[in-house]
Amino acid sequence: MRSEPIANDRAVPGASDAARPVKVLNANWVPSSVDGEDGQFQLLIVTDDDDRHVLTPSPAAVTALVALATADTLLLRDPEGPALIAATLSDGCPL
């Protein structure tokens, strides 16, 4: 996962001006207190301005997010969506 500043003149499709790069992403598994039931993940997202956000996504969503976070992508948290955006998935597609 990249952690770099976003220049104001560089557009990220779908992102508002309030979108901030994610510098820390932690996932904690919390087991269920009921036998036979799945637990849940709790994610802590810390943006480059040190704001902290907690999410409780599905295990399938966490699987996808871990794949994005371990790739060479830039994750942005946009509070206006709210949205988590994976940017720089590719540097372009030659035609």
C-alpha atoms as a PDB file:
ATOM      1  CA  MET A   1       0.000   0.000   0.000  1.00  0.00           C
ATOM      2  CA  ARG A   2       1.391   3.374  -0.975  1.00  0.00           C
ATOM      3  CA  SER A   3       1.243   6.322   1.357  1.00  0.00           C
ATOM      4  CA  GLU A   4       1.898   9.544  -0.498  1.00  0.00           C
ATOM      5  CA  PRO A   5       0.427  13.018  -0.571  1.00  0.00           C
ATOM      6  CA  ILE A   6      -2.210  13.828  -3.164  1.00  0.00           C
ATOM      7  CA  ALA A   7      -1.470  16.920  -5.196  1.00  0.00           C
ATOM      8  CA  ASN A   8      -4.465  19.243  -5.556  1.00  0.00           C
ATOM      9  CA  ASP A   9      -4.057  19.251  -9.324  1.00  0.00           C
ATOM     10  CA  ARG A  10      -4.100  15.439  -9.620  1.00  0.00           C
ATOM     11  CA  ALA A  11      -7.608  14.094 -10.051  1.00  0.00           C
ATOM     12  CA  VAL A  12      -8.655  10.778  -8.543  1.00  0.00           C
ATOM     13  CA  PRO A  13     -11.961   9.719 -10.105  1.00  0.00           C
ATOM     14  CA  GLY A  14     -14.702   9.572  -7.510  1.00  0.00           C
ATOM     15  CA  ALA A  15     -12.730  11.378  -4.817  1.00  0.00           C
ATOM     16  CA  SER A  16     -13.729  14.671  -3.264  1.00  0.00           C
ATOM     17  CA  ASP A  17     -11.273  17.362  -2.224  1.00  0.00           C
ATOM     18  CA  ALA A  18     -11.557  15.983   1.329  1.00  0.00           C
ATOM     19  CA  ALA A  19     -10.108  12.553   0.398  1.00  0.00           C
ATOM     20  CA  ARG A  20      -6.996  11.701   2.399  1.00  0.00           C
ATOM     21  CA  PRO A  21      -4.385   8.958   1.831  1.00  0.00           C
ATOM     22  CA  VAL A  22      -4.519   6.012   4.238  1.00  0.00           C
ATOM     23  CA  LYS A  23      -1.262   5.614   6.140  1.00  0.00           C
ATOM     24  CA  VAL A  24      -2.287   2.808   8.535  1.00  0.00           C
ATOM     25  CA  LEU A  25      -4.765  -0.033   7.998  1.00  0.00           C
ATOM     26  CA  ASN A  26      -5.278  -2.535  10.827  1.00  0.00           C
ATOM     27  CA  ALA A  27      -7.703  -5.450  10.809  1.00  0.00           C
ATOM     28  CA  ASN A  28      -8.745  -7.166  14.036  1.00  0.00           C
ATOM     29  CA  TRP A  29     -10.859 -10.315  14.155  1.00  0.00           C
ATOM     30  CA  VAL A  30     -13.377 -10.296  17.007  1.00  0.00           C
ATOM     31  CA  PRO A  31     -14.794 -13.768  17.681  1.00  0.00           C
ATOM     32  CA  SER A  32     -18.496 -14.189  18.287  1.00  0.00           C
ATOM     33  CA  SER A  33     -19.647 -14.774  21.839  1.00  0.00           C
ATOM     34  CA  VAL A  34     -22.264 -17.217  20.498  1.00  0.00           C
ATOM     35  CA  ASP A  35     -21.095 -20.765  19.663  1.00  0.00           C
ATOM     36  CA  GLY A  36     -21.372 -21.601  15.983  1.00  0.00           C
ATOM     37  CA  GLU A  37     -21.595 -17.977  14.796  1.00  0.00           C
ATOM     38  CA  ASP A  38     -18.896 -16.170  12.892  1.00  0.00           C
ATOM     39  CA  GLY A  39     -17.173 -13.216  14.433  1.00  0.00           C
ATOM     40  CA  GLN A  40     -16.455  -9.991  12.632  1.00  0.00           C
ATOM     41  CA  PHE A  41     -13.562  -7.862  11.476  1.00  0.00           C
ATOM     42  CA  GLN A  42     -13.020  -4.364  12.794  1.00  0.00           C
ATOM     43  CA  LEU A  43     -10.812  -2.147  10.673  1.00  0.00           C
ATOM     44  CA  LEU A  44      -8.906   0.853  11.923  1.00  0.00           C
ATOM     45  CA  ILE A  45      -8.050   3.315   9.173  1.00  0.00           C
ATOM     46  CA  VAL A  46      -5.654   6.160   9.970  1.00  0.00           C
ATOM     47  CA  THR A  47      -5.291   8.833   7.312  1.00  0.00           C
ATOM     48  CA  ASP A  48      -2.224  10.984   6.706  1.00  0.00           C
ATOM     49  CA  ASP A  49      -3.715  13.764   8.855  1.00  0.00           C
ATOM     50  CA  ASP A  50      -3.943  11.253  11.770  1.00  0.00           C
ATOM     51  CA  ASP A  51      -7.749  11.036  11.713  1.00  0.00           C
ATOM     52  CA  ARG A  52      -8.948   7.603  12.863  1.00  0.00           C
ATOM     53  CA  HIS A  53     -11.921   5.747  11.447  1.00  0.00           C
ATOM     54  CA  VAL A  54     -13.352   2.362  12.488  1.00  0.00           C
ATOM     55  CA  LEU A  55     -15.293   0.155  10.076  1.00  0.00           C
ATOM     56  CA  THR A  56     -16.945  -3.245  10.480  1.00  0.00           C
ATOM     57  CA  PRO A  57     -16.983  -4.733   6.953  1.00  0.00           C
ATOM     58  CA  SER A  58     -17.938  -8.252   5.944  1.00  0.00           C
ATOM     59  CA  PRO A  59     -15.211 -10.921   5.797  1.00  0.00           C
ATOM     60  CA  ALA A  60     -15.517 -10.900   1.978  1.00  0.00           C
ATOM     61  CA  ALA A  61     -14.932  -7.139   1.893  1.00  0.00           C
ATOM     62  CA  VAL A  62     -11.890  -7.536   4.153  1.00  0.00           C
ATOM     63  CA  THR A  63     -10.491 -10.179   1.787  1.00  0.00           C
ATOM     64  CA  ALA A  64     -10.720  -7.740  -1.133  1.00  0.00           C
ATOM     65  CA  LEU A  65      -9.303  -4.890   0.939  1.00  0.00           C
ATOM     66  CA  VAL A  66      -6.308  -6.953   2.066  1.00  0.00           C
ATOM     67  CA  ALA A  67      -5.573  -7.792  -1.572  1.00  0.00           C
ATOM     68  CA  LEU A  68      -5.676  -4.092  -2.482  1.00  0.00           C
ATOM     69  CA  ALA A  69      -3.644  -3.030   0.560  1.00  0.00           C
ATOM     70  CA  THR A  70      -0.854  -5.511  -0.185  1.00  0.00           C
ATOM     71  CA  ALA A  71      -0.680  -4.459  -3.842  1.00  0.00           C
ATOM     72  CA  ASP A  72       1.011  -1.311  -5.081  1.00  0.00           C
ATOM     73  CA  THR A  73      -2.100   0.828  -4.689  1.00  0.00           C
ATOM     74  CA  LEU A  74      -2.865   4.098  -2.977  1.00  0.00           C
ATOM     75  CA  LEU A  75      -5.838   3.854  -0.618  1.00  0.00           C
ATOM     76  CA  LEU A  76      -7.796   7.034   0.058  1.00  0.00           C
ATOM     77  CA  ARG A  77     -10.524   7.583   2.624  1.00  0.00           C
ATOM     78  CA  ASP A  78     -13.115  10.056   1.461  1.00  0.00           C
ATOM     79  CA  PRO A  79     -15.364  11.286   4.293  1.00  0.00           C
ATOM     80  CA  GLU A  80     -17.833  12.845   1.865  1.00  0.00           C
ATOM     81  CA  GLY A  81     -18.912   9.437   0.467  1.00  0.00           C
ATOM     82  CA  PRO A  82     -18.034   8.000   2.806  1.00  0.00           C
ATOM     83  CA  ALA A  83     -15.814   5.855   0.634  1.00  0.00           C
ATOM     84  CA  LEU A  84     -12.548   3.986   0.610  1.00  0.00           C
ATOM     85  CA  ILE A  85     -10.919   4.461  -2.797  1.00  0.00           C
ATOM     86  CA  ALA A  86      -8.161   2.319  -4.313  1.00  0.00           C
ATOM     87  CA  ALA A  87      -6.188   4.565  -6.660  1.00  0.00           C
ATOM     88  CA  THR A  88      -3.293   3.848  -9.024  1.00  0.00           C
ATOM     89  CA  LEU A  89      -4.535   0.354  -9.852  1.00  0.00           C
ATOM     90  CA  SER A  90      -2.602   0.747 -13.093  1.00  0.00           C
ATOM     91  CA  ASP A  91      -0.458   3.440 -14.626  1.00  0.00           C
ATOM     92  CA  GLY A  92      -2.441   3.374 -17.816  1.00  0.00           C
ATOM     93  CA  CYS A  93      -3.707   1.053 -20.482  1.00  0.00           C
ATOM     94  CA  PRO A  94      -1.924   1.287 -23.807  1.00  0.00           C
ATOM     95  CA  LEU A  95      -4.255   0.960 -26.758  1.00  0.00           C
END
